[in-house]
Amino acid sequence: MPNVETRPATAITLITSADDLTPWEATWRQLAEARGNPFVTPDWYRSWLEHYDEDAEPFVIISCDSAGACDGVLPLVRTSGSALRFAGADIGDQFHPACHESHELEFTRRACAVLREHADEWSTAVLHGTEIDSEWLAGYAMVARR
């Protein structure tokens, strides 16, 4: 696994209400667009949440840099069976965190810490639509064990 330079102290939080996502959407969109992936945009997320799975609820991890700007989003939902998954993974092509690629592994490590803190709120993570050899998924596998 590559050496990852540590970034300045950041805040990371779990959001479980769709209304609480609104302030982050512009930056989230920019991060997803910079990666060239419409399947991790807030637009895709909200459309899927509103039209495809009425029982799913937001389980989104957002990271902010030391200046308070959003620098990473893990756009998950929690299904009625308590499984975590990417919103729309059953119909989309590719899913990963919405963050700068150079920040992906560090963001994943920090997001996994949040997932562990909230381990009693979900049962399993189903990560369909992810590249099996991606660095972030390897990082997830290493640190997500509960």
C-alpha atoms as a PDB file:
ATOM      1  CA  MET A   1       0.000   0.000   0.000  1.00  0.00           C
ATOM      2  CA  PRO A   2       1.405   3.424  -0.910  1.00  0.00           C
ATOM      3  CA  ASN A   3       2.654   5.874   1.653  1.00  0.00           C
ATOM      4  CA  VAL A   4       0.017   8.521   2.289  1.00  0.00           C
ATOM      5  CA  GLU A   5       1.017  11.988   3.372  1.00  0.00           C
ATOM      6  CA  THR A   6      -0.987  13.133   6.357  1.00  0.00           C
ATOM      7  CA  ARG A   7      -3.089  16.231   5.764  1.00  0.00           C
ATOM      8  CA  PRO A   8      -3.856  18.938   8.329  1.00  0.00           C
ATOM      9  CA  ALA A   9      -6.406  18.128  11.024  1.00  0.00           C
ATOM     10  CA  THR A  10      -9.882  17.757   9.596  1.00  0.00           C
ATOM     11  CA  ALA A  11     -13.390  17.109  10.846  1.00  0.00           C
ATOM     12  CA  ILE A  12     -15.438  14.151   9.706  1.00  0.00           C
ATOM     13  CA  THR A  13     -19.083  13.481  10.398  1.00  0.00           C
ATOM     14  CA  LEU A  14     -21.958  11.137   9.655  1.00  0.00           C
ATOM     15  CA  ILE A  15     -25.138  12.620   8.191  1.00  0.00           C
ATOM     16  CA  THR A  16     -28.351  10.606   8.417  1.00  0.00           C
ATOM     17  CA  SER A  17     -30.890  13.210   7.279  1.00  0.00           C
ATOM     18  CA  ALA A  18     -31.391  14.201   3.639  1.00  0.00           C
ATOM     19  CA  ASP A  19     -32.113  17.785   4.717  1.00  0.00           C
ATOM     20  CA  ASP A  20     -28.693  18.024   6.378  1.00  0.00           C
ATOM     21  CA  LEU A  21     -26.942  17.214   3.079  1.00  0.00           C
ATOM     22  CA  THR A  22     -28.033  20.430   1.357  1.00  0.00           C
ATOM     23  CA  PRO A  23     -25.204  22.702   2.597  1.00  0.00           C
ATOM     24  CA  TRP A  24     -22.599  20.248   1.282  1.00  0.00           C
ATOM     25  CA  GLU A  25     -24.029  19.567  -2.158  1.00  0.00           C
ATOM     26  CA  ALA A  26     -22.199  22.221  -4.207  1.00  0.00           C
ATOM     27  CA  THR A  27     -18.756  21.098  -3.062  1.00  0.00           C
ATOM     28  CA  TRP A  28     -19.780  17.441  -3.160  1.00  0.00           C
ATOM     29  CA  ARG A  29     -20.826  17.938  -6.791  1.00  0.00           C
ATOM     30  CA  GLN A  30     -17.478  19.569  -7.617  1.00  0.00           C
ATOM     31  CA  LEU A  31     -15.577  16.670  -6.065  1.00  0.00           C
ATOM     32  CA  ALA A  32     -17.609  14.115  -8.027  1.00  0.00           C
ATOM     33  CA  GLU A  33     -17.276  16.082 -11.271  1.00  0.00           C
ATOM     34  CA  ALA A  34     -13.509  16.333 -10.781  1.00  0.00           C
ATOM     35  CA  ARG A  35     -13.487  12.521 -10.712  1.00  0.00           C
ATOM     36  CA  GLY A  36     -15.705  12.398 -13.805  1.00  0.00           C
ATOM     37  CA  ASN A  37     -18.266  10.211 -12.108  1.00  0.00           C
ATOM     38  CA  PRO A  38     -21.976  11.115 -12.137  1.00  0.00           C
ATOM     39  CA  PHE A  39     -22.793   8.139  -9.888  1.00  0.00           C
ATOM     40  CA  VAL A  40     -21.260   9.781  -6.811  1.00  0.00           C
ATOM     41  CA  THR A  41     -22.857  13.216  -7.284  1.00  0.00           C
ATOM     42  CA  PRO A  42     -25.486  14.568  -4.887  1.00  0.00           C
ATOM     43  CA  ASP A  43     -27.897  14.713  -7.836  1.00  0.00           C
ATOM     44  CA  TRP A  44     -27.627  10.962  -8.441  1.00  0.00           C
ATOM     45  CA  TYR A  45     -27.825  10.321  -4.704  1.00  0.00           C
ATOM     46  CA  ARG A  46     -30.999  12.370  -4.161  1.00  0.00           C
ATOM     47  CA  SER A  47     -32.701  11.041  -7.309  1.00  0.00           C
ATOM     48  CA  TRP A  48     -32.092   7.468  -6.280  1.00  0.00           C
ATOM     49  CA  LEU A  49     -33.132   8.118  -2.688  1.00  0.00           C
ATOM     50  CA  GLU A  50     -36.356   9.819  -3.743  1.00  0.00           C
ATOM     51  CA  HIS A  51     -37.388   7.468  -6.572  1.00  0.00           C
ATOM     52  CA  TYR A  52     -35.920   4.006  -6.088  1.00  0.00           C
ATOM     53  CA  ASP A  53     -35.832   2.932  -2.466  1.00  0.00           C
ATOM     54  CA  GLU A  54     -38.282   4.562  -0.126  1.00  0.00           C
ATOM     55  CA  ASP A  55     -36.996   2.541   2.828  1.00  0.00           C
ATOM     56  CA  ALA A  56     -33.356   3.617   2.467  1.00  0.00           C
ATOM     57  CA  GLU A  57     -32.028   6.505   4.502  1.00  0.00           C
ATOM     58  CA  PRO A  58     -28.883   8.611   4.199  1.00  0.00           C
ATOM     59  CA  PHE A  59     -25.717   7.318   5.826  1.00  0.00           C
ATOM     60  CA  VAL A  60     -23.289   9.837   4.324  1.00  0.00           C
ATOM     61  CA  ILE A  61     -19.829  10.515   5.689  1.00  0.00           C
ATOM     62  CA  ILE A  62     -18.504  14.013   5.012  1.00  0.00           C
ATOM     63  CA  SER A  63     -14.975  15.201   5.660  1.00  0.00           C
ATOM     64  CA  CYS A  64     -13.919  18.838   5.943  1.00  0.00           C
ATOM     65  CA  ASP A  65     -10.471  20.341   5.750  1.00  0.00           C
ATOM     66  CA  SER A  66      -9.009  22.584   8.450  1.00  0.00           C
ATOM     67  CA  ALA A  67     -10.732  25.598   6.849  1.00  0.00           C
ATOM     68  CA  GLY A  68     -14.135  23.877   7.065  1.00  0.00           C
ATOM     69  CA  ALA A  69     -14.486  23.138   3.339  1.00  0.00           C
ATOM     70  CA  CYS A  70     -15.872  19.759   2.302  1.00  0.00           C
ATOM     71  CA  ASP A  71     -13.053  17.605   0.920  1.00  0.00           C
ATOM     72  CA  GLY A  72     -14.608  14.149   0.826  1.00  0.00           C
ATOM     73  CA  VAL A  73     -17.982  12.398   0.736  1.00  0.00           C
ATOM     74  CA  LEU A  74     -18.841   8.718   1.085  1.00  0.00           C
ATOM     75  CA  PRO A  75     -22.424   8.676  -0.265  1.00  0.00           C
ATOM     76  CA  LEU A  76     -23.912   5.590   1.369  1.00  0.00           C
ATOM     77  CA  VAL A  77     -27.456   4.692   2.324  1.00  0.00           C
ATOM     78  CA  ARG A  78     -28.710   2.340   5.011  1.00  0.00           C
ATOM     79  CA  THR A  79     -31.387  -0.018   3.748  1.00  0.00           C
ATOM     80  CA  SER A  80     -34.317  -1.368   5.728  1.00  0.00           C
ATOM     81  CA  GLY A  81     -32.229  -4.476   6.429  1.00  0.00           C
ATOM     82  CA  SER A  82     -29.478  -2.318   8.001  1.00  0.00           C
ATOM     83  CA  ALA A  83     -27.079  -2.871   5.105  1.00  0.00           C
ATOM     84  CA  LEU A  84     -24.905   0.008   3.921  1.00  0.00           C
ATOM     85  CA  ARG A  85     -24.433   0.501   0.188  1.00  0.00           C
ATOM     86  CA  PHE A  86     -23.882   3.175  -2.397  1.00  0.00           C
ATOM     87  CA  ALA A  87     -27.124   4.812  -3.490  1.00  0.00           C
ATOM     88  CA  GLY A  88     -28.037   3.356  -6.868  1.00  0.00           C
ATOM     89  CA  ALA A  89     -25.315   0.726  -6.976  1.00  0.00           C
ATOM     90  CA  ASP A  90     -27.869  -1.680  -8.432  1.00  0.00           C
ATOM     91  CA  ILE A  91     -28.238   0.503 -11.552  1.00  0.00           C
ATOM     92  CA  GLY A  92     -25.050   2.619 -11.696  1.00  0.00           C
ATOM     93  CA  ASP A  93     -21.663   1.633 -13.087  1.00  0.00           C
ATOM     94  CA  GLN A  94     -18.897   2.752 -10.762  1.00  0.00           C
ATOM     95  CA  PHE A  95     -18.824   3.894  -7.146  1.00  0.00           C
ATOM     96  CA  HIS A  96     -16.102   5.290  -4.891  1.00  0.00           C
ATOM     97  CA  PRO A  97     -15.736   8.167  -2.435  1.00  0.00           C
ATOM     98  CA  ALA A  98     -16.255  11.636  -3.902  1.00  0.00           C
ATOM     99  CA  CYS A  99     -12.886  13.170  -3.102  1.00  0.00           C
ATOM    100  CA  HIS A 100      -9.633  14.000  -4.803  1.00  0.00           C
ATOM    101  CA  GLU A 101      -8.017  10.771  -5.909  1.00  0.00           C
ATOM    102  CA  SER A 102      -4.815  11.637  -4.038  1.00  0.00           C
ATOM    103  CA  HIS A 103      -6.886  11.944  -0.828  1.00  0.00           C
ATOM    104  CA  GLU A 104      -8.942   8.790  -1.378  1.00  0.00           C
ATOM    105  CA  LEU A 105      -7.021   6.343   0.795  1.00  0.00           C
ATOM    106  CA  GLU A 106      -6.671   8.728   3.731  1.00  0.00           C
ATOM    107  CA  PHE A 107     -10.345   9.696   3.468  1.00  0.00           C
ATOM    108  CA  THR A 108     -11.324   6.013   3.425  1.00  0.00           C
ATOM    109  CA  ARG A 109      -9.341   5.318   6.577  1.00  0.00           C
ATOM    110  CA  ARG A 110     -11.058   8.185   8.364  1.00  0.00           C
ATOM    111  CA  ALA A 111     -14.484   7.200   7.039  1.00  0.00           C
ATOM    112  CA  CYS A 112     -13.957   3.670   8.329  1.00  0.00           C
ATOM    113  CA  ALA A 113     -13.314   5.090  11.790  1.00  0.00           C
ATOM    114  CA  VAL A 114     -16.759   6.723  11.613  1.00  0.00           C
ATOM    115  CA  LEU A 115     -18.288   3.450  10.427  1.00  0.00           C
ATOM    116  CA  ARG A 116     -16.733   1.669  13.408  1.00  0.00           C
ATOM    117  CA  GLU A 117     -18.066   4.347  15.794  1.00  0.00           C
ATOM    118  CA  HIS A 118     -21.567   3.671  14.429  1.00  0.00           C
ATOM    119  CA  ALA A 119     -21.208  -0.104  14.071  1.00  0.00           C
ATOM    120  CA  ASP A 120     -24.369  -0.729  16.072  1.00  0.00           C
ATOM    121  CA  GLU A 121     -26.397   1.143  13.417  1.00  0.00           C
ATOM    122  CA  TRP A 122     -25.662  -1.174  10.471  1.00  0.00           C
ATOM    123  CA  SER A 123     -25.096  -4.865   9.857  1.00  0.00           C
ATOM    124  CA  THR A 124     -23.061  -5.184   6.662  1.00  0.00           C
ATOM    125  CA  ALA A 125     -21.621  -3.117   3.830  1.00  0.00           C
ATOM    126  CA  VAL A 126     -22.478  -4.169   0.282  1.00  0.00           C
ATOM    127  CA  LEU A 127     -20.116  -2.383  -2.075  1.00  0.00           C
ATOM    128  CA  HIS A 128     -21.446  -3.275  -5.528  1.00  0.00           C
ATOM    129  CA  GLY A 129     -20.100  -1.253  -8.422  1.00  0.00           C
ATOM    130  CA  THR A 130     -16.644  -0.751  -6.957  1.00  0.00           C
ATOM    131  CA  GLU A 131     -13.379  -1.589  -8.692  1.00  0.00           C
ATOM    132  CA  ILE A 132     -12.020  -4.637  -6.894  1.00  0.00           C
ATOM    133  CA  ASP A 133      -8.400  -3.509  -7.291  1.00  0.00           C
ATOM    134  CA  SER A 134      -8.927   0.111  -6.238  1.00  0.00           C
ATOM    135  CA  GLU A 135      -6.727   1.530  -3.485  1.00  0.00           C
ATOM    136  CA  TRP A 136      -9.657   2.889  -1.520  1.00  0.00           C
ATOM    137  CA  LEU A 137     -11.375  -0.507  -1.431  1.00  0.00           C
ATOM    138  CA  ALA A 138      -8.148  -2.183  -0.300  1.00  0.00           C
ATOM    139  CA  GLY A 139      -7.851   0.472   2.408  1.00  0.00           C
ATOM    140  CA  TYR A 140     -11.459  -0.122   3.385  1.00  0.00           C
ATOM    141  CA  ALA A 141     -10.865  -3.864   3.660  1.00  0.00           C
ATOM    142  CA  MET A 142      -7.850  -3.303   5.905  1.00  0.00           C
ATOM    143  CA  VAL A 143      -9.441  -0.920   8.393  1.00  0.00           C
ATOM    144  CA  ALA A 144     -13.166  -1.627   8.275  1.00  0.00           C
ATOM    145  CA  ARG A 145     -13.049  -4.896  10.144  1.00  0.00           C
ATOM    146  CA  ARG A 146     -15.100  -4.607  13.286  1.00  0.00           C
END
